[in-house]
């Protein structure tokens, strides 16, 4: 099956996780990292989920799943250990036009979640379209070695420079040249070796060279 790759903005959007086990816990944590407002529908919870509920980070509906629990949801995760319940959740979501990911059976999902490498705001997603999660994991592990935390540091600096250029430099061509010069310079290597001040100094020098700022 051919999937359409997309990044969703889930900030302050209601997302529902049906289930209270370890899979539901993992999915809930991922949704929270994306800024979603998460409701977990389950009579029982893992200790971690119970802590999140007690701390007010997650809302729990301590009941078996019902259709009403889907109200106003943008996205739903079906992660119970009951295949029939998961299928019922998926069918209702499709009927209502709600995005749904099903832990098992996965073919009931309307979207799948890729394997991900995150370095700050840099997100590299790997998907085999559900054909081989093991291969996705292997590729992710390779990329984790290739792209270290220095890429997150670089991206933070590029974002700041980009904003400054947008505010202070009218020429789009010059803005592109500056960003390309930074990416092609030794800044990344300096960040990799822990030379944050040296990297920032080089960025400022490149800014002066190309713009006079």
Protein backbone atom coordinates (compact mmCIF):
# COMPACT_ATOMS: atom_id res chain seq x y z
CA UNK A 1 0.00 0.00 0.00
CA UNK A 2 1.20 3.50 -0.83
CA UNK A 3 0.93 5.92 2.10
CA UNK A 4 1.00 9.72 2.01
CA UNK A 5 3.73 11.03 4.35
CA UNK A 6 2.58 13.91 6.53
CA UNK A 7 3.48 15.71 9.78
CA UNK A 8 0.46 16.56 11.94
CA UNK A 9 0.17 19.56 14.24
CA UNK A 10 -1.53 18.05 17.29
CA UNK A 11 -1.04 20.95 19.67
CA UNK A 12 -4.11 21.34 21.89
CA UNK A 13 -6.02 18.83 19.78
CA UNK A 14 -7.99 16.04 21.43
CA UNK A 15 -6.50 12.61 20.83
CA UNK A 16 -7.94 9.41 22.29
CA UNK A 17 -6.00 6.31 23.25
CA UNK A 18 -8.16 3.25 23.81
CA UNK A 19 -6.32 0.88 26.13
CA UNK A 20 -4.21 1.17 29.25
CA UNK A 21 -1.29 -1.20 28.70
CA UNK A 22 2.32 -0.73 27.64
CA UNK A 23 1.49 -0.05 23.98
CA UNK A 24 -1.07 2.56 25.02
CA UNK A 25 1.53 4.05 27.36
CA UNK A 26 4.09 4.39 24.57
CA UNK A 27 1.55 5.94 22.21
CA UNK A 28 0.35 8.35 24.90
CA UNK A 29 3.87 9.56 25.65
CA UNK A 30 4.48 10.19 21.96
CA UNK A 31 1.25 12.17 21.64
CA UNK A 32 2.10 14.25 24.70
CA UNK A 33 5.47 15.12 23.20
CA UNK A 34 3.57 16.53 20.22
CA UNK A 35 1.46 18.77 22.44
CA UNK A 36 -1.77 16.79 22.10
CA UNK A 37 -4.51 16.75 24.72
CA UNK A 38 -4.73 13.03 25.44
CA UNK A 39 -7.65 11.06 26.82
CA UNK A 40 -7.02 7.42 27.76
CA UNK A 41 -10.07 5.16 27.76
CA UNK A 42 -9.44 2.16 30.01
CA UNK A 43 -10.55 0.86 33.42
CA UNK A 44 -6.93 0.00 34.28
CA UNK A 45 -3.63 1.73 33.59
CA UNK A 46 0.08 1.05 33.73
CA UNK A 47 1.85 2.78 36.64
CA UNK A 48 3.27 5.36 34.23
CA UNK A 49 -0.14 6.17 32.76
CA UNK A 50 -1.62 6.35 36.25
CA UNK A 51 1.08 8.87 37.18
CA UNK A 52 0.31 10.96 34.10
CA UNK A 53 -3.37 10.99 35.03
CA UNK A 54 -2.64 11.88 38.66
CA UNK A 55 -0.36 14.73 37.56
CA UNK A 56 -3.05 16.14 35.28
CA UNK A 57 -1.17 15.55 32.05
CA UNK A 58 -3.65 12.96 30.77
CA UNK A 59 -7.39 12.56 31.20
CA UNK A 60 -8.67 9.07 31.99
CA UNK A 61 -12.08 7.68 31.20
CA UNK A 62 -12.15 4.62 33.52
CA UNK A 63 -14.57 2.60 31.44
CA UNK A 64 -14.82 0.16 28.59
CA UNK A 65 -14.82 1.81 25.18
CA UNK A 66 -18.01 3.39 23.88
CA UNK A 67 -18.70 5.37 20.72
CA UNK A 68 -19.28 8.55 22.73
CA UNK A 69 -15.61 8.53 23.75
CA UNK A 70 -14.68 9.55 20.19
CA UNK A 71 -16.44 12.92 20.41
CA UNK A 72 -14.30 15.80 19.05
CA UNK A 73 -11.26 13.56 18.57
CA UNK A 74 -8.87 14.37 15.74
CA UNK A 75 -6.92 11.16 16.10
CA UNK A 76 -7.46 7.83 17.84
CA UNK A 77 -5.14 5.01 18.85
CA UNK A 78 -6.71 1.57 19.38
CA UNK A 79 -4.28 -0.26 21.66
CA UNK A 80 -6.24 -2.78 23.71
CA UNK A 81 -5.39 -6.48 23.93
CA UNK A 82 -8.81 -7.32 22.47
CA UNK A 83 -8.77 -7.51 18.66
CA UNK A 84 -12.55 -7.21 18.46
CA UNK A 85 -12.52 -3.97 20.43
CA UNK A 86 -9.71 -2.58 18.29
CA UNK A 87 -11.65 -3.43 15.13
CA UNK A 88 -14.79 -1.80 16.51
CA UNK A 89 -12.84 1.37 17.32
CA UNK A 90 -11.37 1.42 13.80
CA UNK A 91 -14.74 0.91 12.12
CA UNK A 92 -16.35 3.73 14.09
CA UNK A 93 -13.43 6.05 13.35
CA UNK A 94 -13.63 5.38 9.62
CA UNK A 95 -17.37 6.01 9.73
CA UNK A 96 -16.81 9.34 11.49
CA UNK A 97 -13.79 10.37 9.40
CA UNK A 98 -11.38 10.21 12.35
CA UNK A 99 -7.76 9.20 11.83
CA UNK A 100 -7.10 5.88 13.56
CA UNK A 101 -4.04 3.77 14.24
CA UNK A 102 -4.63 0.19 15.37
CA UNK A 103 -1.96 -1.70 17.27
CA UNK A 104 -3.45 -5.04 16.23
CA UNK A 105 -4.58 -5.91 13.65
CA UNK A 106 -2.56 -3.11 11.98
CA UNK A 107 -4.36 -3.44 8.64
CA UNK A 108 -7.38 -1.80 10.29
CA UNK A 109 -5.42 1.47 10.58
CA UNK A 110 -6.08 4.51 8.42
CA UNK A 111 -2.52 5.67 9.13
CA UNK A 112 0.70 4.11 10.37
CA UNK A 113 3.37 5.65 12.57
CA UNK A 114 6.89 5.59 11.13
CA UNK A 115 10.08 4.78 12.97
CA UNK A 116 11.65 8.10 13.92
CA UNK A 117 15.05 9.65 14.61
CA UNK A 118 14.74 12.96 16.48
CA UNK A 119 17.47 15.51 16.99
CA UNK A 120 15.78 18.58 18.40
CA UNK A 121 13.46 19.89 15.69
CA UNK A 122 15.04 17.59 13.13
CA UNK A 123 12.77 14.60 12.59
CA UNK A 124 13.75 11.80 10.22
CA UNK A 125 10.93 9.33 9.59
CA UNK A 126 11.47 5.83 8.22
CA UNK A 127 8.64 3.71 6.89
CA UNK A 128 8.42 0.42 5.04
CA UNK A 129 4.66 0.99 4.60
CA UNK A 130 4.09 -1.67 7.23
CA UNK A 131 5.91 -4.36 5.25
CA UNK A 132 8.85 -4.82 7.63
CA UNK A 133 9.04 -3.04 11.01
CA UNK A 134 12.32 -4.88 11.61
CA UNK A 135 13.90 -3.19 8.58
CA UNK A 136 12.58 0.19 9.72
CA UNK A 137 14.24 -0.38 13.09
CA UNK A 138 17.53 -1.37 11.46
CA UNK A 139 17.56 1.74 9.26
CA UNK A 140 16.65 3.92 12.25
CA UNK A 141 19.60 2.55 14.21
CA UNK A 142 21.93 3.33 11.30
CA UNK A 143 20.61 6.88 11.05
CA UNK A 144 20.95 7.41 14.80
CA UNK A 145 24.68 6.77 14.41
CA UNK A 146 24.93 9.03 11.35
CA UNK A 147 22.95 11.99 12.69
CA UNK A 148 24.04 12.95 16.20
CA UNK A 149 22.82 15.69 18.56
CA UNK A 150 24.94 18.25 16.70
CA UNK A 151 22.26 18.32 14.00
CA UNK A 152 19.70 19.55 16.51
CA UNK A 153 22.13 22.26 17.62
CA UNK A 154 22.74 23.26 14.01
CA UNK A 155 19.05 23.43 13.24
CA UNK A 156 18.39 25.68 16.24
CA UNK A 157 21.03 28.10 14.97
CA UNK A 158 19.80 27.95 11.38
CA UNK A 159 16.28 28.77 12.53
CA UNK A 160 17.53 31.81 14.46
CA UNK A 161 19.62 33.02 11.51
CA UNK A 162 16.74 32.46 9.11
CA UNK A 163 14.44 34.60 11.24
CA UNK A 164 17.04 37.35 11.51
CA UNK A 165 17.61 37.31 7.77
CA UNK A 166 13.88 37.45 7.13
CA UNK A 167 13.59 40.51 9.38
CA UNK A 168 16.71 42.37 8.23
CA UNK A 169 17.67 41.26 4.71
CA UNK A 170 15.36 42.01 1.81
CA UNK A 171 17.09 39.91 -0.84
CA UNK A 172 15.87 36.33 -0.95
CA UNK A 173 18.96 35.34 -2.94
CA UNK A 174 21.30 36.67 -0.24
CA UNK A 175 19.28 34.90 2.45
CA UNK A 176 19.69 31.61 0.58
CA UNK A 177 23.42 32.22 0.14
CA UNK A 178 23.95 32.84 3.85
CA UNK A 179 22.11 29.70 4.93
CA UNK A 180 23.91 27.61 2.30
CA UNK A 181 27.26 29.02 3.45
CA UNK A 182 26.55 28.08 7.07
CA UNK A 183 25.46 24.56 6.13
CA UNK A 184 28.54 24.10 3.95
CA UNK A 185 30.97 25.49 6.52
CA UNK A 186 32.73 23.91 9.51
CA UNK A 187 29.88 24.88 11.85
CA UNK A 188 28.50 21.34 12.04
CA UNK A 189 31.91 19.86 12.78
CA UNK A 190 32.53 22.44 15.50
CA UNK A 191 29.20 21.59 17.12
CA UNK A 192 30.01 17.89 16.89
CA UNK A 193 33.25 18.51 18.82
CA UNK A 194 31.51 20.64 21.44
CA UNK A 195 32.80 23.97 20.16
CA UNK A 196 29.57 25.91 20.58
CA UNK A 197 31.21 29.32 20.97
CA UNK A 198 33.47 28.71 17.98
CA UNK A 199 30.47 27.64 15.90
CA UNK A 200 28.53 30.76 16.86
CA UNK A 201 31.54 32.93 16.04
CA UNK A 202 31.85 31.36 12.59
CA UNK A 203 28.14 31.89 11.94
CA UNK A 204 28.49 35.58 12.84
CA UNK A 205 31.50 35.89 10.55
CA UNK A 206 29.58 34.37 7.66
CA UNK A 207 26.69 36.74 8.33
CA UNK A 208 29.03 39.73 8.18
CA UNK A 209 30.72 38.42 5.05
CA UNK A 210 27.49 38.02 3.12
CA UNK A 211 25.28 40.77 4.57
CA UNK A 212 27.35 43.15 6.68
CA UNK A 213 25.16 42.44 9.72
